[in-house]
């Protein structure tokens, strides 16, 4: 009877190891593989929605605008400030803007507004800096005036010797 208990205990130990292994594999799937599959699906959807004029960033962090998409060769031609480069479709890391005209127009008006707002502050800074410069010039002037006569006296003393 004691032998039967030892056999039953050994068999129970095998099941617990198997249960721990199954739990470990399930955790690995939900923590590592499933999020990666979701990310790949999101990237495939982004790639299928690419069109001419989209602003994109490549895996090498090169920013450009899509000029042409060749589905047969699976390549994309990017316009990078007048330089046309051909990349593999897999080289597109992300799309930064879908409508470039909407992005550039408000940015220019915002820049003009910030320049106008900054001008009075710059003028005030210049006015506040001017008295400090004048004070520095005033303090340097007496020192130069004092040194000049001493130099003349020293020169006169040298000639008499």
Protein backbone atom coordinates (compact mmCIF):
# COMPACT_ATOMS: atom_id res chain seq x y z
CA UNK A 1 0.00 0.00 0.00
CA UNK A 2 2.85 2.30 0.77
CA UNK A 3 4.24 1.58 -2.70
CA UNK A 4 0.93 2.62 -4.31
CA UNK A 5 1.06 6.01 -2.51
CA UNK A 6 4.60 6.62 -3.77
CA UNK A 7 3.53 5.83 -7.35
CA UNK A 8 0.50 8.14 -7.07
CA UNK A 9 2.67 10.98 -5.68
CA UNK A 10 5.15 10.60 -8.53
CA UNK A 11 2.35 10.69 -11.12
CA UNK A 12 0.87 13.83 -9.49
CA UNK A 13 4.27 15.53 -9.77
CA UNK A 14 4.32 14.88 -13.50
CA UNK A 15 0.93 16.49 -13.98
CA UNK A 16 1.92 19.59 -12.04
CA UNK A 17 5.01 20.02 -14.25
CA UNK A 18 2.86 19.66 -17.35
CA UNK A 19 0.34 22.21 -16.01
CA UNK A 20 3.13 24.72 -15.25
CA UNK A 21 4.53 24.24 -18.76
CA UNK A 22 1.11 24.87 -20.37
CA UNK A 23 0.58 28.00 -18.24
CA UNK A 24 4.04 29.27 -19.20
CA UNK A 25 3.32 28.77 -22.94
CA UNK A 26 -0.06 30.54 -22.63
CA UNK A 27 1.55 33.53 -20.88
CA UNK A 28 4.26 33.66 -23.53
CA UNK A 29 1.62 33.73 -26.28
CA UNK A 30 -0.44 36.52 -24.67
CA UNK A 31 2.53 38.65 -23.60
CA UNK A 32 4.81 38.31 -26.63
CA UNK A 33 3.31 36.76 -29.75
CA UNK A 34 -0.18 38.28 -29.76
CA UNK A 35 0.98 41.94 -29.44
CA UNK A 36 3.50 41.35 -32.23
CA UNK A 37 0.78 39.94 -34.48
CA UNK A 38 -1.42 42.98 -33.76
CA UNK A 39 1.46 45.32 -34.65
CA UNK A 40 2.10 43.44 -37.92
CA UNK A 41 -1.60 43.66 -38.83
CA UNK A 42 -1.62 47.42 -38.13
CA UNK A 43 1.49 47.87 -40.34
CA UNK A 44 -0.10 45.86 -43.19
CA UNK A 45 -3.21 48.06 -43.03
CA UNK A 46 -1.07 51.19 -43.11
CA UNK A 47 0.83 49.87 -46.13
CA UNK A 48 -2.39 49.10 -48.00
CA UNK A 49 -3.65 52.67 -47.43
CA UNK A 50 -0.53 54.39 -48.85
CA UNK A 51 -1.18 56.84 -51.68
CA UNK A 52 0.63 59.50 -53.64
CA UNK A 53 1.28 62.66 -51.59
CA UNK A 54 1.52 60.97 -48.18
CA UNK A 55 4.39 62.08 -45.95
CA UNK A 56 6.31 59.03 -44.76
CA UNK A 57 9.36 58.09 -42.72
CA UNK A 58 11.54 55.16 -43.78
CA UNK A 59 13.23 52.66 -41.49
CA UNK A 60 16.43 54.68 -41.98
CA UNK A 61 14.57 57.77 -40.64
CA UNK A 62 14.53 59.51 -44.05
CA UNK A 63 11.51 61.82 -44.41
CA UNK A 64 9.85 62.18 -47.80
CA UNK A 65 6.65 62.43 -49.82
CA UNK A 66 5.36 59.50 -51.86
CA UNK A 67 5.61 60.28 -55.57
CA UNK A 68 4.83 56.84 -57.02
CA UNK A 69 3.88 53.36 -55.78
CA UNK A 70 4.74 50.34 -57.95
CA UNK A 71 2.70 47.37 -56.70
CA UNK A 72 4.25 44.96 -59.25
CA UNK A 73 7.81 45.53 -58.03
CA UNK A 74 6.67 46.38 -54.48
CA UNK A 75 8.63 49.64 -54.55
CA UNK A 76 7.84 53.23 -53.69
CA UNK A 77 9.42 56.40 -55.06
CA UNK A 78 9.92 59.17 -52.50
CA UNK A 79 10.43 62.86 -53.22
CA UNK A 80 12.95 64.17 -50.69
CA UNK A 81 13.24 67.91 -51.47
CA UNK A 82 13.52 67.35 -55.23
CA UNK A 83 15.59 64.16 -55.00
CA UNK A 84 13.66 61.07 -56.06
CA UNK A 85 14.64 57.84 -54.29
CA UNK A 86 13.23 54.34 -54.86
CA UNK A 87 12.66 52.16 -51.79
CA UNK A 88 11.19 48.76 -51.12
CA UNK A 89 7.67 49.03 -49.69
CA UNK A 90 8.85 47.29 -46.53
CA UNK A 91 11.22 50.24 -45.91
CA UNK A 92 8.30 52.53 -44.98
CA UNK A 93 8.19 52.70 -41.19
CA UNK A 94 5.29 55.10 -40.69
CA UNK A 95 3.02 57.65 -42.33
CA UNK A 96 3.31 61.06 -40.68
CA UNK A 97 0.63 63.07 -42.53
CA UNK A 98 -2.16 62.14 -44.92
CA UNK A 99 -2.94 65.66 -46.24
CA UNK A 100 0.21 67.78 -46.63
CA UNK A 101 -1.64 70.95 -47.75
CA UNK A 102 -3.62 71.13 -44.50
CA UNK A 103 -0.45 70.78 -42.43
CA UNK A 104 1.67 73.46 -44.13
CA UNK A 105 -0.91 76.27 -44.38
CA UNK A 106 -1.64 76.69 -40.63
CA UNK A 107 2.03 76.26 -39.75
CA UNK A 108 2.96 79.34 -41.81
CA UNK A 109 0.31 81.52 -40.17
CA UNK A 110 1.32 80.25 -36.71
CA UNK A 111 4.94 81.17 -37.42
CA UNK A 112 3.93 84.70 -38.45
CA UNK A 113 1.89 85.13 -35.27
CA UNK A 114 4.76 83.97 -33.07
CA UNK A 115 7.18 86.35 -34.82
CA UNK A 116 4.82 89.30 -34.17
CA UNK A 117 4.48 88.27 -30.54
CA UNK A 118 8.24 87.92 -30.16
CA UNK A 119 9.11 91.36 -31.62
CA UNK A 120 7.98 93.46 -28.61
CA UNK A 121 9.84 91.13 -26.28
CA UNK A 122 13.01 91.47 -28.36
CA UNK A 123 12.73 95.29 -28.33
CA UNK A 124 12.29 95.30 -24.55
CA UNK A 125 15.31 93.05 -24.17
CA UNK A 126 17.39 95.39 -26.32
CA UNK A 127 16.31 98.41 -24.25
CA UNK A 128 17.13 96.69 -20.99
CA UNK A 129 20.53 95.60 -22.27
CA UNK A 130 21.47 99.11 -23.45
CA UNK A 131 21.78 100.74 -19.98
CA UNK A 132 23.99 97.91 -18.79
CA UNK A 133 26.30 98.42 -21.76
CA UNK A 134 26.41 102.20 -21.10
CA UNK A 135 27.23 101.62 -17.45
CA UNK A 136 30.07 99.30 -18.41
CA UNK A 137 31.43 101.93 -20.80
CA UNK A 138 31.20 104.64 -18.12
CA UNK A 139 33.10 102.57 -15.58
CA UNK A 140 35.81 101.74 -18.09
CA UNK A 141 36.28 105.37 -19.17
CA UNK A 142 37.59 106.74 -15.82
CA UNK A 143 40.03 103.88 -15.53
CA UNK A 144 41.41 104.66 -18.98
CA UNK A 145 41.58 108.37 -18.13
CA UNK A 146 43.53 107.64 -14.98
CA UNK A 147 45.97 105.38 -16.79
CA UNK A 148 46.70 107.85 -19.57
CA UNK A 149 48.27 110.58 -17.36
CA UNK A 150 50.30 108.02 -15.47
CA UNK A 151 51.69 106.76 -18.72
CA UNK A 152 52.67 110.31 -19.75
CA UNK A 153 54.34 110.90 -16.38
CA UNK A 154 56.19 107.65 -16.66
CA UNK A 155 57.38 108.58 -20.11
CA UNK A 156 58.54 112.00 -18.85
CA UNK A 157 60.37 110.37 -15.96
CA UNK A 158 62.16 108.02 -18.32
CA UNK A 159 63.48 110.87 -20.45
CA UNK A 160 64.89 112.77 -17.48
CA UNK A 161 66.85 109.83 -16.22
